[in-house]
Amino acid sequence: MSYDFIGRMENFGADVMEVVERANLTSDISVEEALGLQSHFTSNDSLQHGQNTKLALPIKASPRALEYFAKVDKSLIKDLLKLYLKDFQLFQYSSEGF
């Protein structure tokens, strides 16, 4: 497949606005609506953790994710990381802390 845009949950509102602008739908979805979507769908974990997802790469797991995965068996985490390795590489996520 050929992609011309890949959005991220970390930048959901901004990415929605980018798609809206590219599709020439700005008369249907306002900037305020897109920003509202961003605050509704994205966690503040990365911002509280001192990350600017537009600049900081690779993107580290949020404290909430690390807390959750601390309760998961390490062998299962290892298997999951292998299974999703290409996703981690494509979206520049870090496996640090797992």
C-alpha atoms as a PDB file:
ATOM      1  CA  MET A   1       0.000   0.000   0.000  1.00  0.00           C
ATOM      2  CA  SER A   2       1.064   3.523  -0.614  1.00  0.00           C
ATOM      3  CA  TYR A   3       0.448   5.971   2.236  1.00  0.00           C
ATOM      4  CA  ASP A   4       0.716   9.727   2.156  1.00  0.00           C
ATOM      5  CA  PHE A   5      -0.032  10.228   5.858  1.00  0.00           C
ATOM      6  CA  ILE A   6       0.269   8.183   9.046  1.00  0.00           C
ATOM      7  CA  GLY A   7      -1.439   9.585  12.121  1.00  0.00           C
ATOM      8  CA  ARG A   8      -0.546   8.932  15.723  1.00  0.00           C
ATOM      9  CA  MET A   9      -2.719   8.800  18.829  1.00  0.00           C
ATOM     10  CA  GLU A  10      -0.173  11.022  20.569  1.00  0.00           C
ATOM     11  CA  ASN A  11      -1.031  13.791  18.090  1.00  0.00           C
ATOM     12  CA  PHE A  12      -4.622  12.820  17.377  1.00  0.00           C
ATOM     13  CA  GLY A  13      -6.211  16.275  17.166  1.00  0.00           C
ATOM     14  CA  ALA A  14      -3.383  17.764  15.127  1.00  0.00           C
ATOM     15  CA  ASP A  15      -3.368  14.743  12.838  1.00  0.00           C
ATOM     16  CA  VAL A  16      -7.138  14.952  12.361  1.00  0.00           C
ATOM     17  CA  MET A  17      -6.728  18.596  11.384  1.00  0.00           C
ATOM     18  CA  GLU A  18      -3.968  17.669   8.926  1.00  0.00           C
ATOM     19  CA  VAL A  19      -6.254  15.132   7.241  1.00  0.00           C
ATOM     20  CA  VAL A  20      -9.171  17.586   7.270  1.00  0.00           C
ATOM     21  CA  GLU A  21      -7.009  20.248   5.617  1.00  0.00           C
ATOM     22  CA  ARG A  22      -5.607  17.824   3.028  1.00  0.00           C
ATOM     23  CA  ALA A  23      -9.137  16.633   2.208  1.00  0.00           C
ATOM     24  CA  ASN A  24     -10.346  20.254   2.032  1.00  0.00           C
ATOM     25  CA  LEU A  25     -12.956  19.704   4.768  1.00  0.00           C
ATOM     26  CA  THR A  26     -12.128  22.717   6.922  1.00  0.00           C
ATOM     27  CA  SER A  27     -15.642  24.078   6.453  1.00  0.00           C
ATOM     28  CA  ASP A  28     -17.002  20.874   8.045  1.00  0.00           C
ATOM     29  CA  ILE A  29     -14.560  20.402  10.963  1.00  0.00           C
ATOM     30  CA  SER A  30     -13.145  23.383  12.824  1.00  0.00           C
ATOM     31  CA  VAL A  31      -9.770  23.708  14.506  1.00  0.00           C
ATOM     32  CA  GLU A  32     -11.586  23.880  17.856  1.00  0.00           C
ATOM     33  CA  GLU A  33     -13.300  20.556  17.171  1.00  0.00           C
ATOM     34  CA  ALA A  34      -9.991  18.930  16.263  1.00  0.00           C
ATOM     35  CA  LEU A  35      -8.353  20.268  19.415  1.00  0.00           C
ATOM     36  CA  GLY A  36     -11.312  18.964  21.412  1.00  0.00           C
ATOM     37  CA  LEU A  37     -10.769  15.548  19.850  1.00  0.00           C
ATOM     38  CA  GLN A  38      -7.116  15.686  20.808  1.00  0.00           C
ATOM     39  CA  SER A  39      -7.842  16.388  24.457  1.00  0.00           C
ATOM     40  CA  HIS A  40     -10.594  13.746  24.498  1.00  0.00           C
ATOM     41  CA  PHE A  41      -8.632  10.924  22.844  1.00  0.00           C
ATOM     42  CA  THR A  42      -5.058  11.479  23.966  1.00  0.00           C
ATOM     43  CA  SER A  43      -3.592  10.864  27.352  1.00  0.00           C
ATOM     44  CA  ASN A  44      -1.606  13.575  29.050  1.00  0.00           C
ATOM     45  CA  ASP A  45       0.869  10.912  30.196  1.00  0.00           C
ATOM     46  CA  SER A  46       3.413  11.748  27.497  1.00  0.00           C
ATOM     47  CA  LEU A  47       3.176  15.468  28.232  1.00  0.00           C
ATOM     48  CA  GLN A  48       3.427  14.885  31.980  1.00  0.00           C
ATOM     49  CA  HIS A  49       6.363  12.603  31.324  1.00  0.00           C
ATOM     50  CA  GLY A  50       8.162  15.498  29.626  1.00  0.00           C
ATOM     51  CA  GLN A  51       7.819  14.229  26.076  1.00  0.00           C
ATOM     52  CA  ASN A  52       6.972  16.284  23.048  1.00  0.00           C
ATOM     53  CA  THR A  53       5.900  13.544  20.641  1.00  0.00           C
ATOM     54  CA  LYS A  54       6.597  15.706  17.594  1.00  0.00           C
ATOM     55  CA  LEU A  55      10.253  16.014  18.591  1.00  0.00           C
ATOM     56  CA  ALA A  56      11.212  13.237  21.009  1.00  0.00           C
ATOM     57  CA  LEU A  57      11.992  10.008  19.212  1.00  0.00           C
ATOM     58  CA  PRO A  58      11.768   7.204  19.971  1.00  0.00           C
ATOM     59  CA  ILE A  59       8.553   7.625  21.918  1.00  0.00           C
ATOM     60  CA  LYS A  60       8.735   6.005  25.335  1.00  0.00           C
ATOM     61  CA  ALA A  61       5.867   4.259  27.073  1.00  0.00           C
ATOM     62  CA  SER A  62       3.767   6.345  29.412  1.00  0.00           C
ATOM     63  CA  PRO A  63       4.022   5.775  33.155  1.00  0.00           C
ATOM     64  CA  ARG A  64       0.512   4.288  33.016  1.00  0.00           C
ATOM     65  CA  ALA A  65       1.571   1.708  30.397  1.00  0.00           C
ATOM     66  CA  LEU A  66       4.694   0.795  32.371  1.00  0.00           C
ATOM     67  CA  GLU A  67       2.619   0.359  35.524  1.00  0.00           C
ATOM     68  CA  TYR A  68       0.181  -1.926  33.693  1.00  0.00           C
ATOM     69  CA  PHE A  69       2.875  -4.034  32.027  1.00  0.00           C
ATOM     70  CA  ALA A  70       4.772  -4.406  35.313  1.00  0.00           C
ATOM     71  CA  LYS A  71       1.997  -6.848  36.245  1.00  0.00           C
ATOM     72  CA  VAL A  72       2.372  -8.902  33.040  1.00  0.00           C
ATOM     73  CA  ASP A  73       4.643 -11.934  32.828  1.00  0.00           C
ATOM     74  CA  LYS A  74       8.005 -10.994  31.261  1.00  0.00           C
ATOM     75  CA  SER A  75       7.892 -13.901  28.783  1.00  0.00           C
ATOM     76  CA  LEU A  76       4.531 -12.667  27.472  1.00  0.00           C
ATOM     77  CA  ILE A  77       5.917  -9.150  27.103  1.00  0.00           C
ATOM     78  CA  LYS A  78       8.892 -10.538  25.192  1.00  0.00           C
ATOM     79  CA  ASP A  79       6.533 -12.416  22.841  1.00  0.00           C
ATOM     80  CA  LEU A  80       4.389  -9.297  22.364  1.00  0.00           C
ATOM     81  CA  LEU A  81       7.429  -7.175  21.554  1.00  0.00           C
ATOM     82  CA  LYS A  82       8.508  -9.723  18.929  1.00  0.00           C
ATOM     83  CA  LEU A  83       4.997  -9.800  17.474  1.00  0.00           C
ATOM     84  CA  TYR A  84       4.761  -6.003  17.270  1.00  0.00           C
ATOM     85  CA  LEU A  85       8.406  -5.268  16.417  1.00  0.00           C
ATOM     86  CA  LYS A  86       7.561  -3.846  12.993  1.00  0.00           C
ATOM     87  CA  ASP A  87       4.962  -1.528  14.546  1.00  0.00           C
ATOM     88  CA  PHE A  88       7.489  -0.316  17.121  1.00  0.00           C
ATOM     89  CA  GLN A  89       9.969   0.382  14.329  1.00  0.00           C
ATOM     90  CA  LEU A  90       7.459   2.015  11.982  1.00  0.00           C
ATOM     91  CA  PHE A  91       5.979   4.313  14.625  1.00  0.00           C
ATOM     92  CA  GLN A  92       9.298   4.815  16.437  1.00  0.00           C
ATOM     93  CA  TYR A  93       8.121   3.523  19.809  1.00  0.00           C
ATOM     94  CA  SER A  94      10.681   2.491  22.383  1.00  0.00           C
ATOM     95  CA  SER A  95      10.512  -0.835  24.196  1.00  0.00           C
ATOM     96  CA  GLU A  96      12.545   0.676  27.042  1.00  0.00           C
ATOM     97  CA  GLY A  97      11.059  -0.115  30.425  1.00  0.00           C
ATOM     98  CA  PHE A  98       9.315  -3.293  29.355  1.00  0.00           C
END
